Structure formats: structure tokens, C-alpha cells
Amino acid sequence: MDLFYLEDKELARQLVELGYRGSGEPLKREEFESRKKAAENFRLSKRMTTNILASHGKDLSKSPFLQALAEREEANRSGKLTSIIFVRTRNPKGQEISGYIDYAYRLKTENFEAYFNKTRQFLPRPSDMSFYNWETQTCTSNATPNFQVIADNESGLLFKNKRDRKIINVDPKEPVPGDNTTRTQIKSSEHIQVVIYDHLTRRKS
């Protein structure tokens, strides 16, 4: 197999693994590019299968917050758990912001490598389930594939899990946040306050 176009011995091995062995006849450029793309996709799918966790191999010993996210990553990706993360912190402008974040949804919609590599800070966003900027008084709420937001309840802010329809009450005065739900306060040097609500999801058999 000609490595001139490939410039990657591993990719050449993937082409061979997919059955693209030389027959003695030169490949047309279009056919070669098609096979090369197939091999690249095959390699990417293998990598995702064997190393799907963004926290894998990261040294998080100095960050209890990132450790807590790493401990919950696999369960949130697989659907065994849906975690709501409350973060109160300051944005790059120094403004105090807070929000309730659907961890499982964030995992599906963005790359967490930068967070676990500590090159990017995990912050609440206006697109999260609930967001508030204490300086500008900007307030937003959004449903996600996992949770419905109930903001006009006399008990305060509630979240309803869409899979089992259980209610999560994030009022800190409530002794229990809900059925199959636990509340954990996380010490953090990166943020003012972090609380994680872990909801164990029971699939219907």
C-alpha cells in the first residue's frame, strides 16, 4: 500500500483492516479519497468506543469539583443518572452569575475535554435550565431533553424529569430534594458555591 498520500501508517493499517489491500492496480484518486475517508471514520468510531469518557486519564486531584463531574460522567452519558449542577460563580467580567445545569445534556452537546484539561472554565449559560446574572438581572429558563422547568410554583423552582416524571425540588430548606434524588454540596476553589442533585433514573421494563 502506497503511504505517499496517506502520510499516516496507522491510517494505512486501518485501510488494510477494512479489506483495502493492494491488487497491483493503482487506485483512482476519487476511489482512494473515498476509502481514506472510510478508514478515518472507522478509526474515529473505534477511538470513541474505547475512550468515550472525557475525564479519562486526567489528573483532577486538585479540583474536587472536576472530580465530582468525572465520577458522574459515565452514569450521565449512559442514562443511569441525570445530574443537575447548581453553580454560583463569577464570569470573566467579574459579574456574579448562577444557574442550574443539565449535566447529561451538556455532555452530549459539547466537548468536555477542555474542562477536564482545565483550559476552560465550566460556567452557567443563558441556554441552561436556569440562569441568572445578579448584576444585569438577566434571567432565563429552558427545558432540556431530560428536564422540564417549573418556575411558577409556590414552592419555588422545580424540575420534572421527563423520563420518570419525578419532581426535583432544589430549595435548600427541603430536607429531601425528591424521590430517587440526592443533594451534594461540593467544595470548590473555582466557584462560590456548587451543589449537585443526582437523580437516579429507573427505566421502565
C-alpha atoms as a PDB file:
ATOM      1  CA  MET A   1       0.000   0.000   0.000  1.00  0.00           C
ATOM      2  CA  ASP A   2       1.358   3.432  -1.004  1.00  0.00           C
ATOM      3  CA  LEU A   3       1.981   5.653   2.026  1.00  0.00           C
ATOM      4  CA  PHE A   4       2.692   8.714  -0.117  1.00  0.00           C
ATOM      5  CA  TYR A   5      -0.884  10.061   0.037  1.00  0.00           C
ATOM      6  CA  LEU A   6      -1.659   8.653   3.467  1.00  0.00           C
ATOM      7  CA  GLU A   7       1.140  10.257   5.483  1.00  0.00           C
ATOM      8  CA  ASP A   8      -0.082   8.074   8.371  1.00  0.00           C
ATOM      9  CA  LYS A   9       0.973   4.494   8.985  1.00  0.00           C
ATOM     10  CA  GLU A  10      -1.911   3.945  11.404  1.00  0.00           C
ATOM     11  CA  LEU A  11      -4.379   5.003   8.714  1.00  0.00           C
ATOM     12  CA  ALA A  12      -2.729   2.583   6.320  1.00  0.00           C
ATOM     13  CA  ARG A  13      -3.269  -0.212   8.847  1.00  0.00           C
ATOM     14  CA  GLN A  14      -6.944   0.777   9.105  1.00  0.00           C
ATOM     15  CA  LEU A  15      -7.324   0.571   5.325  1.00  0.00           C
ATOM     16  CA  VAL A  16      -5.833  -2.916   5.385  1.00  0.00           C
ATOM     17  CA  GLU A  17      -8.081  -3.862   8.319  1.00  0.00           C
ATOM     18  CA  LEU A  18     -11.107  -2.743   6.294  1.00  0.00           C
ATOM     19  CA  GLY A  19     -10.022  -5.006   3.449  1.00  0.00           C
ATOM     20  CA  TYR A  20      -8.438  -2.398   1.204  1.00  0.00           C
ATOM     21  CA  ARG A  21      -5.343  -4.352   0.182  1.00  0.00           C
ATOM     22  CA  GLY A  22      -3.395  -3.600  -2.940  1.00  0.00           C
ATOM     23  CA  SER A  23      -4.359  -5.597  -6.023  1.00  0.00           C
ATOM     24  CA  GLY A  24      -1.436  -4.443  -8.122  1.00  0.00           C
ATOM     25  CA  GLU A  25      -3.596  -1.877  -9.929  1.00  0.00           C
ATOM     26  CA  PRO A  26      -3.356   1.807  -8.960  1.00  0.00           C
ATOM     27  CA  LEU A  27      -6.430   3.353  -7.353  1.00  0.00           C
ATOM     28  CA  LYS A  28      -8.114   6.348  -8.916  1.00  0.00           C
ATOM     29  CA  ARG A  29      -7.750   9.457  -6.776  1.00  0.00           C
ATOM     30  CA  GLU A  30     -11.531   9.632  -6.085  1.00  0.00           C
ATOM     31  CA  GLU A  31     -11.676   5.999  -5.020  1.00  0.00           C
ATOM     32  CA  PHE A  32      -8.606   6.456  -2.845  1.00  0.00           C
ATOM     33  CA  GLU A  33     -10.114   9.508  -1.093  1.00  0.00           C
ATOM     34  CA  SER A  34     -13.359   7.595  -0.513  1.00  0.00           C
ATOM     35  CA  ARG A  35     -11.513   4.676   1.056  1.00  0.00           C
ATOM     36  CA  LYS A  36      -9.319   7.013   3.093  1.00  0.00           C
ATOM     37  CA  LYS A  37     -12.395   8.789   4.491  1.00  0.00           C
ATOM     38  CA  ALA A  38     -13.996   5.442   5.377  1.00  0.00           C
ATOM     39  CA  ALA A  39     -10.826   4.414   7.214  1.00  0.00           C
ATOM     40  CA  GLU A  40     -10.689   7.723   9.104  1.00  0.00           C
ATOM     41  CA  ASN A  41     -14.326   7.310  10.194  1.00  0.00           C
ATOM     42  CA  PHE A  42     -13.577   3.741  11.257  1.00  0.00           C
ATOM     43  CA  ARG A  43     -10.623   4.907  13.344  1.00  0.00           C
ATOM     44  CA  LEU A  44     -12.701   7.671  14.959  1.00  0.00           C
ATOM     45  CA  SER A  45     -15.509   5.260  15.849  1.00  0.00           C
ATOM     46  CA  LYS A  46     -13.003   2.862  17.439  1.00  0.00           C
ATOM     47  CA  ARG A  47     -11.485   5.696  19.458  1.00  0.00           C
ATOM     48  CA  MET A  48     -14.915   6.831  20.685  1.00  0.00           C
ATOM     49  CA  THR A  49     -15.812   3.274  21.676  1.00  0.00           C
ATOM     50  CA  THR A  50     -12.629   2.641  23.618  1.00  0.00           C
ATOM     51  CA  ASN A  51     -12.215   6.089  25.188  1.00  0.00           C
ATOM     52  CA  ILE A  52     -15.584   7.817  25.388  1.00  0.00           C
ATOM     53  CA  LEU A  53     -15.029   9.493  28.758  1.00  0.00           C
ATOM     54  CA  ALA A  54     -13.601  12.998  28.501  1.00  0.00           C
ATOM     55  CA  SER A  55     -12.283  12.692  32.066  1.00  0.00           C
ATOM     56  CA  HIS A  56     -10.298   9.530  31.304  1.00  0.00           C
ATOM     57  CA  GLY A  57      -6.680   9.782  32.402  1.00  0.00           C
ATOM     58  CA  LYS A  58      -6.957  13.357  33.685  1.00  0.00           C
ATOM     59  CA  ASP A  59      -5.324  14.422  36.963  1.00  0.00           C
ATOM     60  CA  LEU A  60      -8.170  16.106  38.854  1.00  0.00           C
ATOM     61  CA  SER A  61      -6.723  15.661  42.343  1.00  0.00           C
ATOM     62  CA  LYS A  62      -6.606  19.411  42.988  1.00  0.00           C
ATOM     63  CA  SER A  63     -10.185  20.067  41.927  1.00  0.00           C
ATOM     64  CA  PRO A  64     -12.970  18.431  43.990  1.00  0.00           C
ATOM     65  CA  PHE A  65     -15.498  19.979  41.580  1.00  0.00           C
ATOM     66  CA  LEU A  66     -13.988  18.391  38.458  1.00  0.00           C
ATOM     67  CA  GLN A  67     -13.548  15.143  40.393  1.00  0.00           C
ATOM     68  CA  ALA A  68     -17.285  15.184  41.141  1.00  0.00           C
ATOM     69  CA  LEU A  69     -18.060  15.733  37.448  1.00  0.00           C
ATOM     70  CA  ALA A  70     -15.719  12.902  36.462  1.00  0.00           C
ATOM     71  CA  GLU A  71     -17.305  10.498  38.961  1.00  0.00           C
ATOM     72  CA  ARG A  72     -20.713  11.159  37.371  1.00  0.00           C
ATOM     73  CA  GLU A  73     -19.678  11.311  33.718  1.00  0.00           C
ATOM     74  CA  GLU A  74     -20.222   7.680  32.711  1.00  0.00           C
ATOM     75  CA  ALA A  75     -23.579   7.375  34.502  1.00  0.00           C
ATOM     76  CA  ASN A  76     -24.876  10.592  32.917  1.00  0.00           C
ATOM     77  CA  ARG A  77     -23.689   9.584  29.452  1.00  0.00           C
ATOM     78  CA  SER A  78     -25.358   6.162  29.736  1.00  0.00           C
ATOM     79  CA  GLY A  79     -28.636   7.499  31.138  1.00  0.00           C
ATOM     80  CA  LYS A  80     -28.397   5.729  34.506  1.00  0.00           C
ATOM     81  CA  LEU A  81     -28.213   9.117  36.204  1.00  0.00           C
ATOM     82  CA  THR A  82     -29.343  12.651  35.408  1.00  0.00           C
ATOM     83  CA  SER A  83     -27.460  15.231  37.429  1.00  0.00           C
ATOM     84  CA  ILE A  84     -28.464  18.857  37.907  1.00  0.00           C
ATOM     85  CA  ILE A  85     -25.485  21.053  38.757  1.00  0.00           C
ATOM     86  CA  PHE A  86     -26.084  24.356  40.557  1.00  0.00           C
ATOM     87  CA  VAL A  87     -23.164  26.731  40.150  1.00  0.00           C
ATOM     88  CA  ARG A  88     -22.812  30.213  41.654  1.00  0.00           C
ATOM     89  CA  THR A  89     -19.677  31.921  40.384  1.00  0.00           C
ATOM     90  CA  ARG A  90     -18.265  34.963  38.604  1.00  0.00           C
ATOM     91  CA  ASN A  91     -17.987  35.362  34.843  1.00  0.00           C
ATOM     92  CA  PRO A  92     -14.899  36.831  33.105  1.00  0.00           C
ATOM     93  CA  LYS A  93     -16.360  40.330  33.630  1.00  0.00           C
ATOM     94  CA  GLY A  94     -16.457  39.764  37.381  1.00  0.00           C
ATOM     95  CA  GLN A  95     -20.262  39.631  37.462  1.00  0.00           C
ATOM     96  CA  GLU A  96     -21.890  37.140  39.799  1.00  0.00           C
ATOM     97  CA  ILE A  97     -23.907  34.541  37.895  1.00  0.00           C
ATOM     98  CA  SER A  98     -25.697  31.360  38.875  1.00  0.00           C
ATOM     99  CA  GLY A  99     -27.508  28.587  37.105  1.00  0.00           C
ATOM    100  CA  TYR A 100     -28.916  25.079  37.164  1.00  0.00           C
ATOM    101  CA  ILE A 101     -27.235  22.928  34.522  1.00  0.00           C
ATOM    102  CA  ASP A 102     -28.409  19.646  32.982  1.00  0.00           C
ATOM    103  CA  TYR A 103     -25.093  17.783  33.092  1.00  0.00           C
ATOM    104  CA  ALA A 104     -26.141  14.907  30.820  1.00  0.00           C
ATOM    105  CA  TYR A 105     -27.363  17.332  28.149  1.00  0.00           C
ATOM    106  CA  ARG A 106     -24.191  19.409  28.316  1.00  0.00           C
ATOM    107  CA  LEU A 107     -22.128  16.214  27.934  1.00  0.00           C
ATOM    108  CA  LYS A 108     -23.994  15.403  24.723  1.00  0.00           C
ATOM    109  CA  THR A 109     -23.766  18.878  23.224  1.00  0.00           C
ATOM    110  CA  GLU A 110     -20.203  19.966  23.936  1.00  0.00           C
ATOM    111  CA  ASN A 111     -16.664  18.659  24.296  1.00  0.00           C
ATOM    112  CA  PHE A 112     -15.702  18.337  27.972  1.00  0.00           C
ATOM    113  CA  GLU A 113     -12.017  17.685  27.275  1.00  0.00           C
ATOM    114  CA  ALA A 114     -11.246  21.396  27.767  1.00  0.00           C
ATOM    115  CA  TYR A 115     -12.979  21.435  31.174  1.00  0.00           C
ATOM    116  CA  PHE A 116     -11.168  18.352  32.423  1.00  0.00           C
ATOM    117  CA  ASN A 117      -7.893  19.681  30.994  1.00  0.00           C
ATOM    118  CA  LYS A 118      -8.554  22.919  32.955  1.00  0.00           C
ATOM    119  CA  THR A 119      -8.125  25.082  29.857  1.00  0.00           C
ATOM    120  CA  ARG A 120     -11.742  26.246  30.018  1.00  0.00           C
ATOM    121  CA  GLN A 121     -13.933  27.098  32.999  1.00  0.00           C
ATOM    122  CA  PHE A 122     -17.280  25.378  33.481  1.00  0.00           C
ATOM    123  CA  LEU A 123     -19.836  28.219  33.754  1.00  0.00           C
ATOM    124  CA  PRO A 124     -23.640  28.576  33.732  1.00  0.00           C
ATOM    125  CA  ARG A 125     -25.074  29.915  30.460  1.00  0.00           C
ATOM    126  CA  PRO A 126     -28.346  31.626  29.457  1.00  0.00           C
ATOM    127  CA  SER A 127     -29.110  28.441  27.482  1.00  0.00           C
ATOM    128  CA  ASP A 128     -29.031  26.269  30.626  1.00  0.00           C
ATOM    129  CA  MET A 129     -32.167  25.174  32.508  1.00  0.00           C
ATOM    130  CA  SER A 130     -31.994  28.255  34.718  1.00  0.00           C
ATOM    131  CA  PHE A 131     -29.612  31.216  34.559  1.00  0.00           C
ATOM    132  CA  TYR A 132     -29.362  34.471  36.479  1.00  0.00           C
ATOM    133  CA  ASN A 133     -26.916  37.364  36.222  1.00  0.00           C
ATOM    134  CA  TRP A 134     -27.052  39.176  39.562  1.00  0.00           C
ATOM    135  CA  GLU A 135     -25.653  42.432  38.136  1.00  0.00           C
ATOM    136  CA  THR A 136     -27.679  42.776  34.921  1.00  0.00           C
ATOM    137  CA  GLN A 137     -30.645  40.864  36.413  1.00  0.00           C
ATOM    138  CA  THR A 138     -30.825  38.765  33.254  1.00  0.00           C
ATOM    139  CA  CYS A 139     -32.936  35.688  33.970  1.00  0.00           C
ATOM    140  CA  THR A 140     -33.635  32.777  31.608  1.00  0.00           C
ATOM    141  CA  SER A 141     -35.096  29.270  31.849  1.00  0.00           C
ATOM    142  CA  ASN A 142     -35.103  26.495  29.276  1.00  0.00           C
ATOM    143  CA  ALA A 143     -36.374  22.930  29.097  1.00  0.00           C
ATOM    144  CA  THR A 144     -33.916  20.230  28.040  1.00  0.00           C
ATOM    145  CA  PRO A 145     -34.429  16.707  26.658  1.00  0.00           C
ATOM    146  CA  ASN A 146     -34.168  15.456  30.270  1.00  0.00           C
ATOM    147  CA  PHE A 147     -35.993  18.063  32.338  1.00  0.00           C
ATOM    148  CA  GLN A 148     -38.995  20.351  32.285  1.00  0.00           C
ATOM    149  CA  VAL A 149     -38.628  23.624  34.218  1.00  0.00           C
ATOM    150  CA  ILE A 150     -41.478  24.592  36.567  1.00  0.00           C
ATOM    151  CA  ALA A 151     -40.715  28.180  37.516  1.00  0.00           C
ATOM    152  CA  ASP A 152     -44.155  29.472  38.558  1.00  0.00           C
ATOM    153  CA  ASN A 153     -44.672  27.182  41.537  1.00  0.00           C
ATOM    154  CA  GLU A 154     -45.341  28.478  45.060  1.00  0.00           C
ATOM    155  CA  SER A 155     -42.721  26.021  46.339  1.00  0.00           C
ATOM    156  CA  GLY A 156     -40.081  27.751  44.242  1.00  0.00           C
ATOM    157  CA  LEU A 157     -38.094  26.433  41.293  1.00  0.00           C
ATOM    158  CA  LEU A 158     -38.815  22.796  40.411  1.00  0.00           C
ATOM    159  CA  PHE A 159     -37.527  20.437  37.716  1.00  0.00           C
ATOM    160  CA  LYS A 160     -39.513  17.494  36.365  1.00  0.00           C
ATOM    161  CA  ASN A 161     -37.581  14.561  34.949  1.00  0.00           C
ATOM    162  CA  LYS A 162     -39.124  13.750  31.565  1.00  0.00           C
ATOM    163  CA  ARG A 163     -38.333  10.038  31.755  1.00  0.00           C
ATOM    164  CA  ASP A 164     -39.918   9.075  35.081  1.00  0.00           C
ATOM    165  CA  ARG A 165     -41.860  12.332  35.695  1.00  0.00           C
ATOM    166  CA  LYS A 166     -40.356  12.704  39.177  1.00  0.00           C
ATOM    167  CA  ILE A 167     -40.033  16.202  40.652  1.00  0.00           C
ATOM    168  CA  ILE A 168     -36.713  17.585  41.887  1.00  0.00           C
ATOM    169  CA  ASN A 169     -37.075  20.417  44.414  1.00  0.00           C
ATOM    170  CA  VAL A 170     -33.868  22.444  44.624  1.00  0.00           C
ATOM    171  CA  ASP A 171     -34.963  24.506  47.641  1.00  0.00           C
ATOM    172  CA  PRO A 172     -32.086  24.081  50.161  1.00  0.00           C
ATOM    173  CA  LYS A 173     -34.626  24.198  53.012  1.00  0.00           C
ATOM    174  CA  GLU A 174     -36.251  20.993  51.788  1.00  0.00           C
ATOM    175  CA  PRO A 175     -34.812  18.015  53.727  1.00  0.00           C
ATOM    176  CA  VAL A 176     -35.157  15.732  50.686  1.00  0.00           C
ATOM    177  CA  PRO A 177     -34.986  17.080  47.116  1.00  0.00           C
ATOM    178  CA  GLY A 178     -37.237  14.329  45.705  1.00  0.00           C
ATOM    179  CA  ASP A 179     -37.730  10.626  45.051  1.00  0.00           C
ATOM    180  CA  ASN A 180     -34.513   8.879  43.993  1.00  0.00           C
ATOM    181  CA  THR A 181     -32.663  12.189  44.281  1.00  0.00           C
ATOM    182  CA  THR A 182     -29.732  13.196  46.482  1.00  0.00           C
ATOM    183  CA  ARG A 183     -28.202  16.609  47.145  1.00  0.00           C
ATOM    184  CA  THR A 184     -24.426  17.009  47.496  1.00  0.00           C
ATOM    185  CA  GLN A 185     -22.554  20.195  48.355  1.00  0.00           C
ATOM    186  CA  ILE A 186     -19.166  20.319  46.626  1.00  0.00           C
ATOM    187  CA  LYS A 187     -16.228  22.370  47.905  1.00  0.00           C
ATOM    188  CA  SER A 188     -14.762  24.380  45.063  1.00  0.00           C
ATOM    189  CA  SER A 189     -11.910  26.845  44.679  1.00  0.00           C
ATOM    190  CA  GLU A 190     -13.149  27.699  41.172  1.00  0.00           C
ATOM    191  CA  HIS A 191     -16.667  28.750  42.178  1.00  0.00           C
ATOM    192  CA  ILE A 192     -18.516  30.459  45.030  1.00  0.00           C
ATOM    193  CA  GLN A 193     -20.951  27.579  45.504  1.00  0.00           C
ATOM    194  CA  VAL A 194     -21.607  24.212  43.874  1.00  0.00           C
ATOM    195  CA  VAL A 195     -24.466  21.815  44.632  1.00  0.00           C
ATOM    196  CA  ILE A 196     -25.161  18.637  42.659  1.00  0.00           C
ATOM    197  CA  TYR A 197     -28.570  16.962  42.567  1.00  0.00           C
ATOM    198  CA  ASP A 198     -28.237  13.356  41.396  1.00  0.00           C
ATOM    199  CA  HIS A 199     -31.442  11.777  40.129  1.00  0.00           C
ATOM    200  CA  LEU A 200     -31.350   8.016  39.702  1.00  0.00           C
ATOM    201  CA  THR A 201     -33.373   7.180  36.616  1.00  0.00           C
ATOM    202  CA  ARG A 202     -35.338   3.962  36.627  1.00  0.00           C
ATOM    203  CA  ARG A 203     -36.116   2.762  33.127  1.00  0.00           C
ATOM    204  CA  LYS A 204     -39.467   1.098  32.599  1.00  0.00           C
ATOM    205  CA  SER A 205     -39.015  -2.590  31.918  1.00  0.00           C
END
